[in-house]
Amino acid sequence: MGEVGDPPIRRLSTRLVYRNAWLAVHEDRIERQDGSEGIYSVIERPDFALVMATENDGFHLVDQYRYPVRGRYWEFPQGCFPDWGTGTQEELARAELAEETGLRAGTLRHLGHMLAWHGASPQACDVFVATDLTPGPPDREPSEQDMRHRWVTRGEFERMIRDGEIKDNSTIAAYGLYLLAERGSG
């Protein structure tokens, strides 16, 4: 679905507040349908790819310390091109999987496209399922030096969601897409 008719909010002006290699913050002056004006902050981030590497009825996960939430949580390998780089989402998925786990995918299947944080950002995520996996050495970025990689059974994965060891919304939503595809619904 998407936009129908005139949008209920119109941008009057925008100004860049902050930008670095991973995000940009804009402050938009807006006008609502009733004519009232306001401010809307928009966080721009490059789109990212998430990879569900699966074999033997289980999944490969990674975890690392996430500074904003001051904790470690397991998730599917995921990331965006650094420094606003470009390429296809499939290239990005293959690169992130190899970088974070060392795994190379013989087969990569696109599972879906999701909005990551649509209340504050236009950032989107493409979800891929990787199979026919070949191990190799990971090549992590300096910010990923504490990253760990492990394989878990599907039952363990679901338990980790229930017990709060997996809290990443993209990981949980990707598993929902996976279940729908598995049932022939997507």
Protein backbone atom coordinates (compact mmCIF):
# COMPACT_ATOMS: atom_id res chain seq x y z
CA MET A 1 0.00 0.00 0.00
CA GLY A 2 1.20 3.55 0.08
CA GLU A 3 0.07 7.09 -0.19
CA VAL A 4 -3.53 7.77 -1.26
CA GLY A 5 -4.55 11.28 -2.24
CA ASP A 6 -2.96 14.31 -0.66
CA PRO A 7 -0.76 13.55 2.35
CA PRO A 8 -2.12 14.91 5.66
CA ILE A 9 1.22 16.55 6.43
CA ARG A 10 3.06 18.91 4.08
CA ARG A 11 6.74 19.82 4.46
CA LEU A 12 7.30 23.58 4.41
CA SER A 13 11.06 23.51 4.90
CA THR A 14 13.84 21.23 6.03
CA ARG A 15 17.24 21.73 7.60
CA LEU A 16 20.05 19.29 8.20
CA VAL A 17 20.81 19.16 11.92
CA TYR A 18 23.51 16.48 11.96
CA ARG A 19 25.17 13.96 9.63
CA ASN A 20 27.84 11.30 10.01
CA ALA A 21 28.82 8.10 8.18
CA TRP A 22 25.74 6.24 9.48
CA LEU A 23 22.86 8.68 9.84
CA ALA A 24 21.50 12.15 9.19
CA VAL A 25 18.96 14.07 11.24
CA HIS A 26 16.67 16.57 9.56
CA GLU A 27 14.24 18.93 11.22
CA ASP A 28 11.25 19.61 9.00
CA ARG A 29 8.81 22.44 9.50
CA ILE A 30 5.43 20.97 8.59
CA GLU A 31 1.83 21.98 8.04
CA ARG A 32 -1.04 19.67 9.02
CA GLN A 33 -4.42 19.36 7.26
CA ASP A 34 -6.02 21.85 9.64
CA GLY A 35 -3.37 24.45 8.80
CA SER A 36 -1.49 24.18 12.09
CA GLU A 37 2.27 24.07 11.85
CA GLY A 38 4.80 22.00 13.72
CA ILE A 39 8.20 20.37 13.68
CA TYR A 40 8.95 16.81 12.61
CA SER A 41 12.36 15.24 13.17
CA VAL A 42 13.42 12.67 10.58
CA ILE A 43 16.34 10.29 11.04
CA GLU A 44 17.75 9.12 7.74
CA ARG A 45 19.79 5.93 7.64
CA PRO A 46 20.82 3.83 4.68
CA ASP A 47 18.57 0.87 3.99
CA PHE A 48 19.90 -2.38 5.41
CA ALA A 49 19.86 -6.08 4.67
CA LEU A 50 19.11 -8.84 7.18
CA VAL A 51 20.21 -12.41 6.53
CA MET A 52 18.59 -15.52 7.99
CA ALA A 53 21.34 -18.10 7.48
CA THR A 54 19.63 -21.44 8.01
CA GLU A 55 20.73 -25.06 8.03
CA ASN A 56 19.76 -28.24 9.89
CA ASP A 57 16.46 -26.66 11.03
CA GLY A 58 18.29 -23.90 12.86
CA PHE A 59 19.71 -20.41 12.40
CA HIS A 60 23.04 -18.62 12.65
CA LEU A 61 22.88 -15.65 15.00
CA VAL A 62 25.28 -12.92 16.07
CA ASP A 63 25.41 -10.75 19.15
CA GLN A 64 27.35 -7.70 20.13
CA TYR A 65 27.16 -4.97 22.72
CA ARG A 66 24.60 -2.38 21.63
CA TYR A 67 25.62 0.88 23.25
CA PRO A 68 22.25 2.73 23.03
CA VAL A 69 20.47 0.00 25.05
CA ARG A 70 23.53 -0.93 27.14
CA GLY A 71 23.20 -4.64 26.50
CA ARG A 72 23.96 -7.67 24.35
CA TYR A 73 21.23 -9.39 22.38
CA TRP A 74 21.23 -12.08 19.73
CA GLU A 75 20.00 -11.19 16.24
CA PHE A 76 20.28 -12.19 12.62
CA PRO A 77 23.32 -10.75 10.77
CA GLN A 78 22.36 -7.37 9.35
CA GLY A 79 23.81 -4.06 8.30
CA CYS A 80 24.00 -1.28 5.77
CA PHE A 81 26.69 -0.03 3.42
CA PRO A 82 29.15 2.16 5.34
CA ASP A 83 29.53 5.83 4.49
CA TRP A 84 26.25 5.88 2.54
CA GLY A 85 27.74 3.49 -0.02
CA THR A 86 25.68 1.90 -2.73
CA GLY A 87 25.11 -1.52 -4.24
CA THR A 88 22.30 -4.03 -4.52
CA GLN A 89 20.57 -5.35 -1.43
CA GLU A 90 21.68 -8.87 -2.41
CA GLU A 91 25.33 -7.73 -2.53
CA LEU A 92 24.86 -6.13 0.87
CA ALA A 93 23.26 -9.28 2.32
CA ARG A 94 26.12 -11.47 1.09
CA ALA A 95 28.71 -9.02 2.43
CA GLU A 96 27.08 -8.73 5.88
CA LEU A 97 26.75 -12.49 6.27
CA ALA A 98 30.39 -13.08 5.35
CA GLU A 99 31.63 -10.13 7.41
CA GLU A 100 29.77 -11.02 10.61
CA THR A 101 29.81 -14.84 10.55
CA GLY A 102 32.35 -15.89 7.91
CA LEU A 103 29.59 -17.82 6.13
CA ARG A 104 29.16 -17.66 2.37
CA ALA A 105 25.71 -18.39 0.93
CA GLY A 106 25.41 -20.65 -2.09
CA THR A 107 21.74 -19.67 -2.34
CA LEU A 108 20.22 -16.36 -1.27
CA ARG A 109 16.45 -15.90 -1.52
CA HIS A 110 14.69 -12.57 -1.01
CA LEU A 111 11.94 -12.97 1.56
CA GLY A 112 10.54 -9.47 1.94
CA HIS A 113 10.93 -5.72 2.31
CA MET A 114 10.03 -3.99 5.58
CA LEU A 115 10.07 -0.48 6.99
CA ALA A 116 12.36 -0.39 9.99
CA TRP A 117 11.19 2.62 12.01
CA HIS A 118 8.56 4.35 9.90
CA GLY A 119 7.46 6.73 12.65
CA ALA A 120 10.82 8.50 12.57
CA SER A 121 12.78 7.24 9.57
CA PRO A 122 12.31 6.15 5.95
CA GLN A 123 14.92 3.39 6.47
CA ALA A 124 13.90 0.02 5.06
CA CYS A 125 15.16 -3.53 5.41
CA ASP A 126 15.34 -6.34 2.88
CA VAL A 127 15.18 -9.82 4.38
CA PHE A 128 17.03 -12.72 2.79
CA VAL A 129 17.27 -16.43 3.56
CA ALA A 130 20.74 -17.89 3.02
CA THR A 131 21.25 -21.63 2.45
CA ASP A 132 23.98 -23.89 1.05
CA LEU A 133 26.39 -22.30 3.51
CA THR A 134 30.18 -22.54 3.34
CA PRO A 135 32.22 -21.52 6.41
CA GLY A 136 35.08 -19.07 6.27
CA PRO A 137 36.73 -16.45 8.45
CA PRO A 138 34.66 -13.41 9.47
CA ASP A 139 35.97 -9.95 8.53
CA ARG A 140 34.34 -7.69 11.10
CA GLU A 141 34.46 -3.92 11.27
CA PRO A 142 36.18 -2.34 14.30
CA SER A 143 32.76 -1.63 15.84
CA GLU A 144 32.01 -5.38 15.68
CA GLN A 145 35.16 -6.63 17.39
CA ASP A 146 33.17 -8.00 20.35
CA MET A 147 30.66 -9.81 18.10
CA ARG A 148 29.91 -13.47 18.74
CA HIS A 149 28.42 -15.98 16.30
CA ARG A 150 26.50 -19.13 17.09
CA TRP A 151 24.10 -21.59 15.53
CA VAL A 152 20.88 -22.43 17.38
CA THR A 153 18.05 -24.85 16.73
CA ARG A 154 14.68 -23.42 15.77
CA GLY A 155 13.32 -24.42 19.19
CA GLU A 156 16.18 -22.62 20.92
CA PHE A 157 15.61 -19.56 18.70
CA GLU A 158 11.95 -19.40 19.69
CA ARG A 159 12.83 -19.86 23.37
CA MET A 160 15.34 -16.98 23.06
CA ILE A 161 12.57 -14.71 21.75
CA ARG A 162 10.24 -15.70 24.60
CA ASP A 163 12.99 -15.21 27.22
CA GLY A 164 14.08 -11.80 25.89
CA GLU A 165 17.50 -12.89 24.65
CA ILE A 166 16.35 -11.78 21.21
CA LYS A 167 14.76 -8.32 21.29
CA ASP A 168 15.73 -7.00 17.87
CA ASN A 169 12.48 -6.10 16.11
CA SER A 170 13.91 -6.78 12.64
CA THR A 171 14.99 -10.28 13.67
CA ILE A 172 11.58 -11.10 15.10
CA ALA A 173 9.71 -9.61 12.13
CA ALA A 174 11.98 -11.50 9.70
CA TYR A 175 11.10 -14.73 11.47
CA GLY A 176 7.43 -13.88 10.95
CA LEU A 177 8.06 -13.51 7.21
CA TYR A 178 9.95 -16.81 7.27
CA LEU A 179 7.05 -18.61 8.92
CA LEU A 180 4.57 -17.18 6.41
CA ALA A 181 6.78 -18.23 3.48
CA GLU A 182 7.20 -21.66 5.00
CA ARG A 183 3.41 -22.05 5.20
CA GLY A 184 3.08 -20.97 1.59
CA SER A 185 1.51 -17.64 2.53
CA GLY A 186 4.22 -15.41 1.13
